[in-house]
Protein backbone atom coordinates (compact mmCIF):
# COMPACT_ATOMS: atom_id res chain seq x y z
CA UNK A 1 0.00 0.00 0.00
CA UNK A 2 1.68 3.19 -1.15
CA UNK A 3 0.51 6.62 -0.13
CA UNK A 4 1.38 9.73 -2.08
CA UNK A 5 3.33 11.93 0.26
CA UNK A 6 5.30 14.25 -1.98
CA UNK A 7 8.52 12.51 -1.06
CA UNK A 8 11.04 10.61 -3.10
CA UNK A 9 11.01 7.21 -1.39
CA UNK A 10 13.61 5.83 -3.79
CA UNK A 11 16.27 7.68 -1.81
CA UNK A 12 16.05 6.69 1.86
CA UNK A 13 17.23 9.27 4.33
CA UNK A 14 16.94 12.20 1.94
CA UNK A 15 13.42 13.34 2.97
CA UNK A 16 14.41 13.39 6.63
CA UNK A 17 17.42 15.52 5.79
CA UNK A 18 15.28 17.92 3.76
CA UNK A 19 12.74 18.11 6.58
CA UNK A 20 15.49 18.79 9.08
CA UNK A 21 16.88 21.59 6.92
CA UNK A 22 13.42 23.14 6.48
CA UNK A 23 12.82 22.97 10.23
CA UNK A 24 16.17 24.60 10.91
CA UNK A 25 15.37 27.42 8.47
CA UNK A 26 12.00 27.96 10.13
CA UNK A 27 13.58 28.00 13.59
CA UNK A 28 16.23 30.50 12.47
CA UNK A 29 13.55 32.72 10.96
CA UNK A 30 11.51 32.58 14.16
CA UNK A 31 14.58 33.37 16.25
CA UNK A 32 15.46 36.24 13.92
CA UNK A 33 11.95 37.62 14.10
CA UNK A 34 11.99 37.57 17.89
CA UNK A 35 15.14 39.72 18.17
CA UNK A 36 14.29 43.19 19.43
CA UNK A 37 14.38 45.88 16.76
CA UNK A 38 16.27 49.10 17.33
CA UNK A 39 13.41 51.48 16.52
CA UNK A 40 12.79 54.79 18.18
CA UNK A 41 10.52 54.50 21.22
CA UNK A 42 6.86 55.01 20.39
CA UNK A 43 7.47 54.56 16.67
CA UNK A 44 4.31 53.36 14.92
CA UNK A 45 6.36 51.46 12.33
CA UNK A 46 8.35 49.76 15.11
CA UNK A 47 5.17 48.68 16.90
CA UNK A 48 3.72 47.41 13.65
CA UNK A 49 6.94 45.53 12.85
CA UNK A 50 6.93 44.02 16.32
CA UNK A 51 3.32 42.91 15.95
CA UNK A 52 3.95 41.41 12.51
CA UNK A 53 7.01 39.56 13.82
CA UNK A 54 5.12 38.11 16.76
CA UNK A 55 2.25 36.98 14.54
CA UNK A 56 4.63 35.50 11.97
CA UNK A 57 6.62 33.72 14.68
CA UNK A 58 3.45 32.25 16.16
CA UNK A 59 2.26 31.19 12.68
CA UNK A 60 5.56 29.50 11.94
CA UNK A 61 5.48 27.66 15.26
CA UNK A 62 1.92 26.54 14.50
CA UNK A 63 2.98 25.29 11.06
CA UNK A 64 5.85 23.38 12.69
CA UNK A 65 3.43 21.83 15.20
CA UNK A 66 1.06 20.84 12.40
CA UNK A 67 3.92 19.25 10.47
CA UNK A 68 4.75 17.18 13.55
CA UNK A 69 1.11 16.12 13.92
CA UNK A 70 0.89 15.17 10.24
CA UNK A 71 4.06 13.10 10.51
CA UNK A 72 2.64 11.31 13.54
CA UNK A 73 -0.60 10.66 11.66
CA UNK A 74 1.35 9.42 8.63
CA UNK A 75 3.27 6.97 10.83
CA UNK A 76 0.04 5.78 12.43
CA UNK A 77 -1.59 5.23 9.03
CA UNK A 78 1.46 3.35 7.76
CA UNK A 79 1.40 1.09 10.83
CA UNK A 80 -2.33 0.49 10.46
CA UNK A 81 -1.89 -0.29 6.77
CA UNK A 82 0.78 -2.84 7.62
CA UNK A 83 -1.43 -4.35 10.34
CA UNK A 84 -4.37 -4.66 7.94
CA UNK A 85 -2.07 -6.21 5.31
CA UNK A 86 -0.89 -8.80 7.86
CA UNK A 87 -4.51 -9.57 8.82
CA UNK A 88 -5.46 -10.03 5.16
CA UNK A 89 -2.49 -12.36 4.64
CA UNK A 90 -3.43 -14.39 7.72
CA UNK A 91 -7.04 -14.61 6.52
CA UNK A 92 -5.92 -15.75 3.06
CA UNK A 93 -3.67 -18.41 4.64
CA UNK A 94 -6.50 -19.67 6.87
CA UNK A 95 -8.92 -19.68 3.96
CA UNK A 96 -6.48 -21.71 1.89
CA UNK A 97 -5.96 -24.17 4.76
CA UNK A 98 -9.74 -24.49 5.21
CA UNK A 99 -10.17 -25.20 1.50
CA UNK A 100 -7.50 -27.92 1.62
CA UNK A 101 -9.07 -29.46 4.73
CA UNK A 102 -12.53 -29.45 3.14
CA UNK A 103 -11.15 -31.10 0.01
CA UNK A 104 -9.39 -33.78 2.10
CA UNK A 105 -12.56 -34.48 4.10
CA UNK A 106 -14.64 -34.69 0.91
CA UNK A 107 -12.19 -37.14 -0.66
CA UNK A 108 -12.11 -39.24 2.52
CA UNK A 109 -15.92 -39.39 2.68
CA UNK A 110 -16.09 -40.38 -0.98
CA UNK A 111 -13.61 -43.23 -0.37
CA UNK A 112 -15.50 -44.33 2.74
CA UNK A 113 -18.83 -44.40 0.82
CA UNK A 114 -17.23 -46.44 -1.99
CA UNK A 115 -15.79 -48.99 0.42
CA UNK A 116 -19.13 -49.17 2.28
CA UNK A 117 -21.03 -49.75 -0.98
CA UNK A 118 -18.54 -52.44 -2.01
CA UNK A 119 -18.91 -54.15 1.38
CA UNK A 120 -22.73 -54.06 1.16
CA UNK A 121 -22.62 -55.38 -2.43
CA UNK A 122 -20.41 -58.34 -1.37
CA UNK A 123 -22.72 -58.95 1.34
C-alpha atoms as a PDB file:
ATOM      1  CA  UNK A   1       0.000   0.000   0.000  1.00  0.00           C
ATOM      2  CA  UNK A   2       1.677   3.192  -1.153  1.00  0.00           C
ATOM      3  CA  UNK A   3       0.512   6.617  -0.132  1.00  0.00           C
ATOM      4  CA  UNK A   4       1.381   9.733  -2.083  1.00  0.00           C
ATOM      5  CA  UNK A   5       3.327  11.930   0.264  1.00  0.00           C
ATOM      6  CA  UNK A   6       5.301  14.245  -1.977  1.00  0.00           C
ATOM      7  CA  UNK A   7       8.521  12.505  -1.059  1.00  0.00           C
ATOM      8  CA  UNK A   8      11.038  10.607  -3.096  1.00  0.00           C
ATOM      9  CA  UNK A   9      11.006   7.210  -1.390  1.00  0.00           C
ATOM     10  CA  UNK A  10      13.615   5.825  -3.789  1.00  0.00           C
ATOM     11  CA  UNK A  11      16.270   7.680  -1.815  1.00  0.00           C
ATOM     12  CA  UNK A  12      16.051   6.687   1.856  1.00  0.00           C
ATOM     13  CA  UNK A  13      17.228   9.274   4.334  1.00  0.00           C
ATOM     14  CA  UNK A  14      16.936  12.198   1.941  1.00  0.00           C
ATOM     15  CA  UNK A  15      13.415  13.338   2.969  1.00  0.00           C
ATOM     16  CA  UNK A  16      14.408  13.388   6.629  1.00  0.00           C
ATOM     17  CA  UNK A  17      17.425  15.520   5.786  1.00  0.00           C
ATOM     18  CA  UNK A  18      15.281  17.918   3.761  1.00  0.00           C
ATOM     19  CA  UNK A  19      12.735  18.109   6.585  1.00  0.00           C
ATOM     20  CA  UNK A  20      15.493  18.794   9.079  1.00  0.00           C
ATOM     21  CA  UNK A  21      16.878  21.587   6.916  1.00  0.00           C
ATOM     22  CA  UNK A  22      13.422  23.136   6.485  1.00  0.00           C
ATOM     23  CA  UNK A  23      12.821  22.971  10.227  1.00  0.00           C
ATOM     24  CA  UNK A  24      16.175  24.601  10.910  1.00  0.00           C
ATOM     25  CA  UNK A  25      15.373  27.418   8.470  1.00  0.00           C
ATOM     26  CA  UNK A  26      12.004  27.962  10.132  1.00  0.00           C
ATOM     27  CA  UNK A  27      13.581  28.003  13.588  1.00  0.00           C
ATOM     28  CA  UNK A  28      16.231  30.495  12.471  1.00  0.00           C
ATOM     29  CA  UNK A  29      13.550  32.722  10.962  1.00  0.00           C
ATOM     30  CA  UNK A  30      11.511  32.579  14.158  1.00  0.00           C
ATOM     31  CA  UNK A  31      14.584  33.373  16.254  1.00  0.00           C
ATOM     32  CA  UNK A  32      15.459  36.240  13.924  1.00  0.00           C
ATOM     33  CA  UNK A  33      11.951  37.621  14.103  1.00  0.00           C
ATOM     34  CA  UNK A  34      11.992  37.573  17.895  1.00  0.00           C
ATOM     35  CA  UNK A  35      15.138  39.717  18.170  1.00  0.00           C
ATOM     36  CA  UNK A  36      14.294  43.188  19.434  1.00  0.00           C
ATOM     37  CA  UNK A  37      14.379  45.879  16.757  1.00  0.00           C
ATOM     38  CA  UNK A  38      16.267  49.096  17.333  1.00  0.00           C
ATOM     39  CA  UNK A  39      13.414  51.483  16.515  1.00  0.00           C
ATOM     40  CA  UNK A  40      12.789  54.790  18.181  1.00  0.00           C
ATOM     41  CA  UNK A  41      10.517  54.499  21.223  1.00  0.00           C
ATOM     42  CA  UNK A  42       6.859  55.012  20.391  1.00  0.00           C
ATOM     43  CA  UNK A  43       7.469  54.562  16.672  1.00  0.00           C
ATOM     44  CA  UNK A  44       4.307  53.361  14.919  1.00  0.00           C
ATOM     45  CA  UNK A  45       6.357  51.456  12.331  1.00  0.00           C
ATOM     46  CA  UNK A  46       8.347  49.762  15.110  1.00  0.00           C
ATOM     47  CA  UNK A  47       5.175  48.678  16.903  1.00  0.00           C
ATOM     48  CA  UNK A  48       3.720  47.411  13.646  1.00  0.00           C
ATOM     49  CA  UNK A  49       6.938  45.526  12.846  1.00  0.00           C
ATOM     50  CA  UNK A  50       6.935  44.018  16.320  1.00  0.00           C
ATOM     51  CA  UNK A  51       3.320  42.909  15.947  1.00  0.00           C
ATOM     52  CA  UNK A  52       3.953  41.407  12.514  1.00  0.00           C
ATOM     53  CA  UNK A  53       7.014  39.562  13.816  1.00  0.00           C
ATOM     54  CA  UNK A  54       5.120  38.113  16.761  1.00  0.00           C
ATOM     55  CA  UNK A  55       2.245  36.979  14.545  1.00  0.00           C
ATOM     56  CA  UNK A  56       4.633  35.498  11.969  1.00  0.00           C
ATOM     57  CA  UNK A  57       6.620  33.718  14.681  1.00  0.00           C
ATOM     58  CA  UNK A  58       3.450  32.249  16.155  1.00  0.00           C
ATOM     59  CA  UNK A  59       2.264  31.191  12.685  1.00  0.00           C
ATOM     60  CA  UNK A  60       5.563  29.498  11.941  1.00  0.00           C
ATOM     61  CA  UNK A  61       5.477  27.656  15.265  1.00  0.00           C
ATOM     62  CA  UNK A  62       1.918  26.542  14.502  1.00  0.00           C
ATOM     63  CA  UNK A  63       2.983  25.288  11.062  1.00  0.00           C
ATOM     64  CA  UNK A  64       5.852  23.380  12.688  1.00  0.00           C
ATOM     65  CA  UNK A  65       3.431  21.831  15.197  1.00  0.00           C
ATOM     66  CA  UNK A  66       1.057  20.839  12.400  1.00  0.00           C
ATOM     67  CA  UNK A  67       3.918  19.245  10.466  1.00  0.00           C
ATOM     68  CA  UNK A  68       4.754  17.178  13.552  1.00  0.00           C
ATOM     69  CA  UNK A  69       1.108  16.117  13.918  1.00  0.00           C
ATOM     70  CA  UNK A  70       0.885  15.168  10.240  1.00  0.00           C
ATOM     71  CA  UNK A  71       4.062  13.100  10.512  1.00  0.00           C
ATOM     72  CA  UNK A  72       2.637  11.311  13.544  1.00  0.00           C
ATOM     73  CA  UNK A  73      -0.596  10.662  11.659  1.00  0.00           C
ATOM     74  CA  UNK A  74       1.353   9.416   8.627  1.00  0.00           C
ATOM     75  CA  UNK A  75       3.274   6.970  10.832  1.00  0.00           C
ATOM     76  CA  UNK A  76       0.037   5.781  12.432  1.00  0.00           C
ATOM     77  CA  UNK A  77      -1.590   5.226   9.034  1.00  0.00           C
ATOM     78  CA  UNK A  78       1.457   3.349   7.763  1.00  0.00           C
ATOM     79  CA  UNK A  79       1.401   1.088  10.827  1.00  0.00           C
ATOM     80  CA  UNK A  80      -2.334   0.492  10.463  1.00  0.00           C
ATOM     81  CA  UNK A  81      -1.892  -0.287   6.767  1.00  0.00           C
ATOM     82  CA  UNK A  82       0.781  -2.840   7.618  1.00  0.00           C
ATOM     83  CA  UNK A  83      -1.426  -4.347  10.339  1.00  0.00           C
ATOM     84  CA  UNK A  84      -4.368  -4.665   7.936  1.00  0.00           C
ATOM     85  CA  UNK A  85      -2.074  -6.206   5.306  1.00  0.00           C
ATOM     86  CA  UNK A  86      -0.892  -8.797   7.863  1.00  0.00           C
ATOM     87  CA  UNK A  87      -4.511  -9.568   8.820  1.00  0.00           C
ATOM     88  CA  UNK A  88      -5.456 -10.030   5.158  1.00  0.00           C
ATOM     89  CA  UNK A  89      -2.486 -12.359   4.636  1.00  0.00           C
ATOM     90  CA  UNK A  90      -3.433 -14.390   7.720  1.00  0.00           C
ATOM     91  CA  UNK A  91      -7.040 -14.607   6.517  1.00  0.00           C
ATOM     92  CA  UNK A  92      -5.916 -15.751   3.061  1.00  0.00           C
ATOM     93  CA  UNK A  93      -3.668 -18.409   4.636  1.00  0.00           C
ATOM     94  CA  UNK A  94      -6.504 -19.667   6.872  1.00  0.00           C
ATOM     95  CA  UNK A  95      -8.921 -19.675   3.955  1.00  0.00           C
ATOM     96  CA  UNK A  96      -6.476 -21.710   1.888  1.00  0.00           C
ATOM     97  CA  UNK A  97      -5.963 -24.172   4.763  1.00  0.00           C
ATOM     98  CA  UNK A  98      -9.743 -24.493   5.213  1.00  0.00           C
ATOM     99  CA  UNK A  99     -10.167 -25.203   1.502  1.00  0.00           C
ATOM    100  CA  UNK A 100      -7.504 -27.924   1.621  1.00  0.00           C
ATOM    101  CA  UNK A 101      -9.073 -29.461   4.726  1.00  0.00           C
ATOM    102  CA  UNK A 102     -12.528 -29.450   3.135  1.00  0.00           C
ATOM    103  CA  UNK A 103     -11.152 -31.105   0.007  1.00  0.00           C
ATOM    104  CA  UNK A 104      -9.386 -33.777   2.096  1.00  0.00           C
ATOM    105  CA  UNK A 105     -12.560 -34.480   4.103  1.00  0.00           C
ATOM    106  CA  UNK A 106     -14.642 -34.691   0.908  1.00  0.00           C
ATOM    107  CA  UNK A 107     -12.188 -37.140  -0.659  1.00  0.00           C
ATOM    108  CA  UNK A 108     -12.113 -39.242   2.525  1.00  0.00           C
ATOM    109  CA  UNK A 109     -15.918 -39.390   2.684  1.00  0.00           C
ATOM    110  CA  UNK A 110     -16.088 -40.379  -0.977  1.00  0.00           C
ATOM    111  CA  UNK A 111     -13.612 -43.226  -0.373  1.00  0.00           C
ATOM    112  CA  UNK A 112     -15.504 -44.327   2.741  1.00  0.00           C
ATOM    113  CA  UNK A 113     -18.827 -44.398   0.824  1.00  0.00           C
ATOM    114  CA  UNK A 114     -17.230 -46.444  -1.993  1.00  0.00           C
ATOM    115  CA  UNK A 115     -15.787 -48.994   0.421  1.00  0.00           C
ATOM    116  CA  UNK A 116     -19.133 -49.171   2.279  1.00  0.00           C
ATOM    117  CA  UNK A 117     -21.034 -49.753  -0.983  1.00  0.00           C
ATOM    118  CA  UNK A 118     -18.535 -52.437  -2.008  1.00  0.00           C
ATOM    119  CA  UNK A 119     -18.911 -54.149   1.384  1.00  0.00           C
ATOM    120  CA  UNK A 120     -22.730 -54.064   1.163  1.00  0.00           C
ATOM    121  CA  UNK A 121     -22.620 -55.377  -2.431  1.00  0.00           C
ATOM    122  CA  UNK A 122     -20.411 -58.342  -1.370  1.00  0.00           C
ATOM    123  CA  UNK A 123     -22.719 -58.951   1.344  1.00  0.00           C
END
